PDB file of N, CA and C in Angstrom:
ATOM      1  N   MET A   1     -28.032  21.990  18.435  1.00  0.00           N
ATOM      2  CA  MET A   1     -28.232  20.625  18.011  1.00  0.00           C
ATOM      3  C   MET A   1     -27.266  20.336  16.856  1.00  0.00           C
ATOM      4  N   PRO A   2     -26.499  19.246  16.931  1.00  0.00           N
ATOM      5  CA  PRO A   2     -25.566  18.925  15.845  1.00  0.00           C
ATOM      6  C   PRO A   2     -26.321  18.447  14.611  1.00  0.00           C
ATOM      7  N   PRO A   3     -25.701  18.590  13.435  1.00  0.00           N
ATOM      8  CA  PRO A   3     -26.370  18.130  12.213  1.00  0.00           C
ATOM      9  C   PRO A   3     -26.571  16.619  12.232  1.00  0.00           C
ATOM     10  N   ASP A   4     -27.606  16.183  11.569  1.00  0.00           N
ATOM     11  CA  ASP A   4     -27.914  14.753  11.474  1.00  0.00           C
ATOM     12  C   ASP A   4     -26.902  14.100  10.539  1.00  0.00           C
ATOM     13  N   PRO A   5     -26.146  13.083  11.007  1.00  0.00           N
ATOM     14  CA  PRO A   5     -25.131  12.452  10.153  1.00  0.00           C
ATOM     15  C   PRO A   5     -25.715  11.466   9.137  1.00  0.00           C
ATOM     16  N   ASN A   6     -27.007  11.233   9.182  1.00  0.00           N
ATOM     17  CA  ASN A   6     -27.638  10.267   8.285  1.00  0.00           C
ATOM     18  C   ASN A   6     -27.636  10.810   6.852  1.00  0.00           C
ATOM     19  N   PRO A   7     -26.962  10.115   5.909  1.00  0.00           N
ATOM     20  CA  PRO A   7     -26.921  10.622   4.526  1.00  0.00           C
ATOM     21  C   PRO A   7     -28.301  10.737   3.887  1.00  0.00           C
ATOM     22  N   ARG A   8     -29.216   9.866   4.258  1.00  0.00           N
ATOM     23  CA  ARG A   8     -30.565   9.935   3.685  1.00  0.00           C
ATOM     24  C   ARG A   8     -31.259  11.235   4.099  1.00  0.00           C
ATOM     25  N   THR A   9     -31.098  11.615   5.357  1.00  0.00           N
ATOM     26  CA  THR A   9     -31.676  12.866   5.833  1.00  0.00           C
ATOM     27  C   THR A   9     -31.069  14.040   5.092  1.00  0.00           C
ATOM     28  N   ALA A  10     -29.751  13.997   4.901  1.00  0.00           N
ATOM     29  CA  ALA A  10     -29.076  15.084   4.179  1.00  0.00           C
ATOM     30  C   ALA A  10     -29.587  15.177   2.747  1.00  0.00           C
ATOM     31  N   ALA A  11     -29.791  14.045   2.088  1.00  0.00           N
ATOM     32  CA  ALA A  11     -30.280  14.048   0.700  1.00  0.00           C
ATOM     33  C   ALA A  11     -31.692  14.618   0.627  1.00  0.00           C
ATOM     34  N   VAL A  12     -32.530  14.256   1.571  1.00  0.00           N
ATOM     35  CA  VAL A  12     -33.901  14.780   1.591  1.00  0.00           C
ATOM     36  C   VAL A  12     -33.874  16.283   1.822  1.00  0.00           C
ATOM     37  N   SER A  13     -33.007  16.739   2.725  1.00  0.00           N
ATOM     38  CA  SER A  13     -32.903  18.170   2.994  1.00  0.00           C
ATOM     39  C   SER A  13     -32.410  18.926   1.775  1.00  0.00           C
ATOM     40  N   LEU A  14     -31.410  18.388   1.084  1.00  0.00           N
ATOM     41  CA  LEU A  14     -30.898  19.032  -0.125  1.00  0.00           C
ATOM     42  C   LEU A  14     -31.978  19.087  -1.193  1.00  0.00           C
ATOM     43  N   ALA A  15     -32.712  18.016  -1.375  1.00  0.00           N
ATOM     44  CA  ALA A  15     -33.785  17.998  -2.371  1.00  0.00           C
ATOM     45  C   ALA A  15     -34.826  19.074  -2.065  1.00  0.00           C
ATOM     46  N   ALA A  16     -35.150  19.252  -0.785  1.00  0.00           N
ATOM     47  CA  ALA A  16     -36.130  20.272  -0.410  1.00  0.00           C
ATOM     48  C   ALA A  16     -35.616  21.667  -0.728  1.00  0.00           C
ATOM     49  N   VAL A  17     -34.340  21.906  -0.490  1.00  0.00           N
ATOM     50  CA  VAL A  17     -33.745  23.214  -0.796  1.00  0.00           C
ATOM     51  C   VAL A  17     -33.749  23.456  -2.302  1.00  0.00           C
ATOM     52  N   LEU A  18     -33.362  22.461  -3.080  1.00  0.00           N
ATOM     53  CA  LEU A  18     -33.291  22.630  -4.529  1.00  0.00           C
ATOM     54  C   LEU A  18     -34.660  22.922  -5.134  1.00  0.00           C
ATOM     55  N   ARG A  19     -35.710  22.331  -4.571  1.00  0.00           N
ATOM     56  CA  ARG A  19     -37.054  22.545  -5.110  1.00  0.00           C
ATOM     57  C   ARG A  19     -37.532  23.985  -4.939  1.00  0.00           C
ATOM     58  N   VAL A  20     -37.053  24.680  -3.934  1.00  0.00           N
ATOM     59  CA  VAL A  20     -37.540  26.038  -3.680  1.00  0.00           C
ATOM     60  C   VAL A  20     -36.560  27.119  -4.143  1.00  0.00           C
ATOM     61  N   LEU A  21     -35.537  26.750  -4.879  1.00  0.00           N
ATOM     62  CA  LEU A  21     -34.629  27.757  -5.431  1.00  0.00           C
ATOM     63  C   LEU A  21     -35.429  28.746  -6.273  1.00  0.00           C
ATOM     64  N   PRO A  22     -35.049  30.018  -6.266  1.00  0.00           N
ATOM     65  CA  PRO A  22     -35.794  31.002  -7.051  1.00  0.00           C
ATOM     66  C   PRO A  22     -35.564  30.875  -8.553  1.00  0.00           C
ATOM     67  N   GLY A  23     -34.505  30.220  -8.962  1.00  0.00           N
ATOM     68  CA  GLY A  23     -34.209  30.043 -10.386  1.00  0.00           C
ATOM     69  C   GLY A  23     -34.510  28.628 -10.840  1.00  0.00           C
ATOM     70  N   PRO A  24     -34.714  28.449 -12.141  1.00  0.00           N
ATOM     71  CA  PRO A  24     -35.000  27.111 -12.667  1.00  0.00           C
ATOM     72  C   PRO A  24     -33.845  26.142 -12.400  1.00  0.00           C
ATOM     73  N   LEU A  25     -34.192  24.945 -11.972  1.00  0.00           N
ATOM     74  CA  LEU A  25     -33.231  23.873 -11.780  1.00  0.00           C
ATOM     75  C   LEU A  25     -33.717  22.673 -12.567  1.00  0.00           C
ATOM     76  N   ILE A  26     -32.902  22.233 -13.512  1.00  0.00           N
ATOM     77  CA  ILE A  26     -33.215  21.050 -14.306  1.00  0.00           C
ATOM     78  C   ILE A  26     -32.001  20.137 -14.206  1.00  0.00           C
ATOM     79  N   VAL A  27     -32.211  18.910 -13.748  1.00  0.00           N
ATOM     80  CA  VAL A  27     -31.137  17.934 -13.623  1.00  0.00           C
ATOM     81  C   VAL A  27     -31.380  16.855 -14.669  1.00  0.00           C
ATOM     82  N   LEU A  28     -30.340  16.590 -15.472  1.00  0.00           N
ATOM     83  CA  LEU A  28     -30.433  15.590 -16.539  1.00  0.00           C
ATOM     84  C   LEU A  28     -29.489  14.433 -16.264  1.00  0.00           C
ATOM     85  N   ASP A  29     -29.835  13.254 -16.772  1.00  0.00           N
ATOM     86  CA  ASP A  29     -28.890  12.143 -16.728  1.00  0.00           C
ATOM     87  C   ASP A  29     -28.019  12.190 -17.984  1.00  0.00           C
ATOM     88  N   GLU A  30     -27.156  11.202 -18.144  1.00  0.00           N
ATOM     89  CA  GLU A  30     -26.229  11.195 -19.270  1.00  0.00           C
ATOM     90  C   GLU A  30     -26.932  11.151 -20.628  1.00  0.00           C
ATOM     91  N   ALA A  31     -28.136  10.617 -20.656  1.00  0.00           N
ATOM     92  CA  ALA A  31     -28.890  10.504 -21.904  1.00  0.00           C
ATOM     93  C   ALA A  31     -29.761  11.726 -22.174  1.00  0.00           C
ATOM     94  N   GLY A  32     -29.728  12.722 -21.280  1.00  0.00           N
ATOM     95  CA  GLY A  32     -30.525  13.926 -21.476  1.00  0.00           C
ATOM     96  C   GLY A  32     -31.935  13.839 -20.942  1.00  0.00           C
ATOM     97  N   ARG A  33     -32.237  12.775 -20.169  1.00  0.00           N
ATOM     98  CA  ARG A  33     -33.562  12.646 -19.564  1.00  0.00           C
ATOM     99  C   ARG A  33     -33.625  13.467 -18.276  1.00  0.00           C
ATOM    100  N   VAL A  34     -34.781  14.035 -18.010  1.00  0.00           N
ATOM    101  CA  VAL A  34     -34.977  14.892 -16.845  1.00  0.00           C
ATOM    102  C   VAL A  34     -35.103  14.031 -15.580  1.00  0.00           C
ATOM    103  N   LEU A  35     -34.203  14.301 -14.630  1.00  0.00           N
ATOM    104  CA  LEU A  35     -34.238  13.616 -13.337  1.00  0.00           C
ATOM    105  C   LEU A  35     -34.890  14.471 -12.259  1.00  0.00           C
ATOM    106  N   ASP A  36     -34.741  15.783 -12.376  1.00  0.00           N
ATOM    107  CA  ASP A  36     -35.339  16.686 -11.395  1.00  0.00           C
ATOM    108  C   ASP A  36     -35.712  17.983 -12.089  1.00  0.00           C
ATOM    109  N   TRP A  37     -36.752  18.626 -11.565  1.00  0.00           N
ATOM    110  CA  TRP A  37     -37.336  19.819 -12.192  1.00  0.00           C
ATOM    111  C   TRP A  37     -38.029  20.587 -11.093  1.00  0.00           C
ATOM    112  N   ASN A  38     -37.589  21.795 -10.793  1.00  0.00           N
ATOM    113  CA  ASN A  38     -38.192  22.515  -9.670  1.00  0.00           C
ATOM    114  C   ASN A  38     -39.344  23.422 -10.127  1.00  0.00           C
ATOM    115  N   ASP A  39     -39.995  24.033  -9.141  1.00  0.00           N
ATOM    116  CA  ASP A  39     -41.147  24.904  -9.436  1.00  0.00           C
ATOM    117  C   ASP A  39     -40.761  26.095 -10.309  1.00  0.00           C
ATOM    118  N   ALA A  40     -39.544  26.610 -10.115  1.00  0.00           N
ATOM    119  CA  ALA A  40     -39.097  27.751 -10.926  1.00  0.00           C
ATOM    120  C   ALA A  40     -38.932  27.341 -12.388  1.00  0.00           C
ATOM    121  N   ALA A  41     -38.536  26.099 -12.650  1.00  0.00           N
ATOM    122  CA  ALA A  41     -38.443  25.616 -14.032  1.00  0.00           C
ATOM    123  C   ALA A  41     -39.837  25.561 -14.653  1.00  0.00           C
ATOM    124  N   THR A  42     -40.808  25.119 -13.870  1.00  0.00           N
ATOM    125  CA  THR A  42     -42.192  25.099 -14.358  1.00  0.00           C
ATOM    126  C   THR A  42     -42.657  26.507 -14.692  1.00  0.00           C
ATOM    127  N   ALA A  43     -42.385  27.453 -13.798  1.00  0.00           N
ATOM    128  CA  ALA A  43     -42.812  28.832 -14.021  1.00  0.00           C
ATOM    129  C   ALA A  43     -42.121  29.450 -15.235  1.00  0.00           C
ATOM    130  N   ALA A  44     -40.840  29.167 -15.403  1.00  0.00           N
ATOM    131  CA  ALA A  44     -40.076  29.780 -16.490  1.00  0.00           C
ATOM    132  C   ALA A  44     -40.372  29.151 -17.847  1.00  0.00           C
ATOM    133  N   LEU A  45     -40.616  27.848 -17.853  1.00  0.00           N
ATOM    134  CA  LEU A  45     -40.717  27.139 -19.127  1.00  0.00           C
ATOM    135  C   LEU A  45     -42.126  26.677 -19.467  1.00  0.00           C
ATOM    136  N   GLY A  46     -43.037  26.755 -18.504  1.00  0.00           N
ATOM    137  CA  GLY A  46     -44.418  26.387 -18.783  1.00  0.00           C
ATOM    138  C   GLY A  46     -44.664  24.900 -18.905  1.00  0.00           C
ATOM    139  N   VAL A  47     -43.762  24.103 -18.373  1.00  0.00           N
ATOM    140  CA  VAL A  47     -43.921  22.644 -18.406  1.00  0.00           C
ATOM    141  C   VAL A  47     -43.905  22.150 -16.961  1.00  0.00           C
ATOM    142  N   ALA A  48     -44.932  21.409 -16.570  1.00  0.00           N
ATOM    143  CA  ALA A  48     -45.018  20.892 -15.209  1.00  0.00           C
ATOM    144  C   ALA A  48     -43.981  19.793 -14.996  1.00  0.00           C
ATOM    145  N   ALA A  49     -43.517  19.677 -13.759  1.00  0.00           N
ATOM    146  CA  ALA A  49     -42.539  18.644 -13.421  1.00  0.00           C
ATOM    147  C   ALA A  49     -43.055  17.263 -13.793  1.00  0.00           C
ATOM    148  N   ALA A  50     -44.325  16.994 -13.537  1.00  0.00           N
ATOM    149  CA  ALA A  50     -44.889  15.675 -13.838  1.00  0.00           C
ATOM    150  C   ALA A  50     -44.790  15.343 -15.326  1.00  0.00           C
ATOM    151  N   ALA A  51     -44.860  16.356 -16.175  1.00  0.00           N
ATOM    152  CA  ALA A  51     -44.760  16.145 -17.621  1.00  0.00           C
ATOM    153  C   ALA A  51     -43.311  16.021 -18.081  1.00  0.00           C
ATOM    154  N   ALA A  52     -42.377  16.532 -17.283  1.00  0.00           N
ATOM    155  CA  ALA A  52     -40.968  16.550 -17.694  1.00  0.00           C
ATOM    156  C   ALA A  52     -40.170  15.368 -17.166  1.00  0.00           C
ATOM    157  N   LEU A  53     -40.457  14.937 -15.951  1.00  0.00           N
ATOM    158  CA  LEU A  53     -39.642  13.907 -15.312  1.00  0.00           C
ATOM    159  C   LEU A  53     -39.609  12.617 -16.117  1.00  0.00           C
ATOM    160  N   GLY A  54     -38.393  12.123 -16.345  1.00  0.00           N
ATOM    161  CA  GLY A  54     -38.200  10.875 -17.072  1.00  0.00           C
ATOM    162  C   GLY A  54     -38.151  11.013 -18.575  1.00  0.00           C
ATOM    163  N   ARG A  55     -38.497  12.185 -19.091  1.00  0.00           N
ATOM    164  CA  ARG A  55     -38.500  12.405 -20.538  1.00  0.00           C
ATOM    165  C   ARG A  55     -37.219  13.098 -20.982  1.00  0.00           C
ATOM    166  N   PRO A  56     -36.795  12.861 -22.212  1.00  0.00           N
ATOM    167  CA  PRO A  56     -35.650  13.610 -22.730  1.00  0.00           C
ATOM    168  C   PRO A  56     -35.994  15.096 -22.821  1.00  0.00           C
ATOM    169  N   LEU A  57     -35.087  15.935 -22.353  1.00  0.00           N
ATOM    170  CA  LEU A  57     -35.320  17.376 -22.396  1.00  0.00           C
ATOM    171  C   LEU A  57     -35.575  17.846 -23.820  1.00  0.00           C
ATOM    172  N   ALA A  58     -34.887  17.253 -24.771  1.00  0.00           N
ATOM    173  CA  ALA A  58     -35.030  17.666 -26.169  1.00  0.00           C
ATOM    174  C   ALA A  58     -36.427  17.405 -26.729  1.00  0.00           C
ATOM    175  N   GLU A  59     -37.212  16.565 -26.074  1.00  0.00           N
ATOM    176  CA  GLU A  59     -38.556  16.252 -26.559  1.00  0.00           C
ATOM    177  C   GLU A  59     -39.651  17.085 -25.890  1.00  0.00           C
ATOM    178  N   LEU A  60     -39.284  17.884 -24.903  1.00  0.00           N
ATOM    179  CA  LEU A  60     -40.300  18.674 -24.207  1.00  0.00           C
ATOM    180  C   LEU A  60     -40.674  19.910 -25.020  1.00  0.00           C
ATOM    181  N   PRO A  61     -41.921  20.339 -24.907  1.00  0.00           N
ATOM    182  CA  PRO A  61     -42.369  21.533 -25.639  1.00  0.00           C
ATOM    183  C   PRO A  61     -41.904  22.809 -24.936  1.00  0.00           C
ATOM    184  N   LEU A  62     -40.644  23.118 -25.110  1.00  0.00           N
ATOM    185  CA  LEU A  62     -40.049  24.280 -24.449  1.00  0.00           C
ATOM    186  C   LEU A  62     -40.044  25.491 -25.366  1.00  0.00           C
ATOM    187  N   PRO A  63     -40.035  26.686 -24.774  1.00  0.00           N
ATOM    188  CA  PRO A  63     -39.858  27.880 -25.604  1.00  0.00           C
ATOM    189  C   PRO A  63     -38.513  27.791 -26.316  1.00  0.00           C
ATOM    190  N   ASP A  64     -38.483  28.184 -27.572  1.00  0.00           N
ATOM    191  CA  ASP A  64     -37.262  28.140 -28.376  1.00  0.00           C
ATOM    192  C   ASP A  64     -36.619  26.758 -28.323  1.00  0.00           C
ATOM    193  N   ALA A  65     -37.410  25.738 -28.623  1.00  0.00           N
ATOM    194  CA  ALA A  65     -36.960  24.355 -28.534  1.00  0.00           C
ATOM    195  C   ALA A  65     -35.732  24.081 -29.391  1.00  0.00           C
ATOM    196  N   ASP A  66     -35.593  24.761 -30.523  1.00  0.00           N
ATOM    197  CA  ASP A  66     -34.418  24.533 -31.371  1.00  0.00           C
ATOM    198  C   ASP A  66     -33.130  24.921 -30.653  1.00  0.00           C
ATOM    199  N   ALA A  67     -33.163  25.998 -29.888  1.00  0.00           N
ATOM    200  CA  ALA A  67     -31.975  26.413 -29.132  1.00  0.00           C
ATOM    201  C   ALA A  67     -31.637  25.379 -28.060  1.00  0.00           C
ATOM    202  N   TRP A  68     -32.659  24.837 -27.395  1.00  0.00           N
ATOM    203  CA  TRP A  68     -32.413  23.796 -26.393  1.00  0.00           C
ATOM    204  C   TRP A  68     -31.810  22.560 -27.044  1.00  0.00           C
ATOM    205  N   ARG A  69     -32.352  22.142 -28.170  1.00  0.00           N
ATOM    206  CA  ARG A  69     -31.824  20.947 -28.848  1.00  0.00           C
ATOM    207  C   ARG A  69     -30.375  21.144 -29.268  1.00  0.00           C
ATOM    208  N   ALA A  70     -30.033  22.324 -29.756  1.00  0.00           N
ATOM    209  CA  ALA A  70     -28.653  22.605 -30.147  1.00  0.00           C
ATOM    210  C   ALA A  70     -27.737  22.570 -28.927  1.00  0.00           C
ATOM    211  N   TRP A  71     -28.205  23.121 -27.811  1.00  0.00           N
ATOM    212  CA  TRP A  71     -27.398  23.109 -26.598  1.00  0.00           C
ATOM    213  C   TRP A  71     -27.170  21.685 -26.123  1.00  0.00           C
ATOM    214  N   LEU A  72     -28.210  20.855 -26.170  1.00  0.00           N
ATOM    215  CA  LEU A  72     -28.080  19.464 -25.737  1.00  0.00           C
ATOM    216  C   LEU A  72     -27.162  18.666 -26.650  1.00  0.00           C
ATOM    217  N   ALA A  73     -27.153  18.985 -27.931  1.00  0.00           N
ATOM    218  CA  ALA A  73     -26.325  18.242 -28.885  1.00  0.00           C
ATOM    219  C   ALA A  73     -24.849  18.624 -28.800  1.00  0.00           C
ATOM    220  N   ALA A  74     -24.562  19.788 -28.263  1.00  0.00           N
ATOM    221  CA  ALA A  74     -23.162  20.236 -28.173  1.00  0.00           C
ATOM    222  C   ALA A  74     -22.424  19.406 -27.131  1.00  0.00           C
ATOM    223  N   PRO A  75     -21.151  19.166 -27.366  1.00  0.00           N
ATOM    224  CA  PRO A  75     -20.382  18.413 -26.360  1.00  0.00           C
ATOM    225  C   PRO A  75     -20.271  19.230 -25.072  1.00  0.00           C
ATOM    226  N   PRO A  76     -20.250  18.534 -23.939  1.00  0.00           N
ATOM    227  CA  PRO A  76     -20.111  19.285 -22.676  1.00  0.00           C
ATOM    228  C   PRO A  76     -18.766  19.981 -22.604  1.00  0.00           C
ATOM    229  N   PRO A  77     -18.688  21.082 -21.864  1.00  0.00           N
ATOM    230  CA  PRO A  77     -17.411  21.769 -21.743  1.00  0.00           C
ATOM    231  C   PRO A  77     -16.421  20.921 -20.976  1.00  0.00           C
ATOM    232  N   ALA A  78     -15.145  21.115 -21.272  1.00  0.00           N
ATOM    233  CA  ALA A  78     -14.100  20.416 -20.531  1.00  0.00           C
ATOM    234  C   ALA A  78     -14.141  20.873 -19.082  1.00  0.00           C
ATOM    235  N   ALA A  79     -13.749  20.001 -18.192  1.00  0.00           N
ATOM    236  CA  ALA A  79     -13.772  20.338 -16.761  1.00  0.00           C
ATOM    237  C   ALA A  79     -12.949  21.589 -16.491  1.00  0.00           C
ATOM    238  N   SER A  80     -11.866  21.786 -17.229  1.00  0.00           N
ATOM    239  CA  SER A  80     -11.024  22.958 -16.991  1.00  0.00           C
ATOM    240  C   SER A  80     -11.747  24.251 -17.368  1.00  0.00           C
ATOM    241  N   ALA A  81     -12.720  24.166 -18.263  1.00  0.00           N
ATOM    242  CA  ALA A  81     -13.467  25.364 -18.665  1.00  0.00           C
ATOM    243  C   ALA A  81     -14.460  25.789 -17.595  1.00  0.00           C
ATOM    244  N   LEU A  82     -14.754  24.900 -16.666  1.00  0.00           N
ATOM    245  CA  LEU A  82     -15.736  25.184 -15.623  1.00  0.00           C
ATOM    246  C   LEU A  82     -15.123  25.847 -14.404  1.00  0.00           C
ATOM    247  N   THR A  83     -13.812  25.917 -14.362  1.00  0.00           N
ATOM    248  CA  THR A  83     -13.164  26.488 -13.168  1.00  0.00           C
ATOM    249  C   THR A  83     -12.667  27.885 -13.448  1.00  0.00           C
TER     250      THR A  83
END
């Protein structure tokens, strides 16, 4: 069976895969608000997705919150540093 060319189906399939990743997945917008949070993030950080979604990551009660805040405040790496 060929893959479904519908982009909506592909997005739903990708979202399902990301939710079951064995490692924490946290997706932030440009302002640092949580857009996505998988089950592994809940297990690792002790914060449920429902409590995290839509909130700034820096405001969540995370372990070692000061380290998270410092990481969020740092400028993102240059694109060349990612390759």
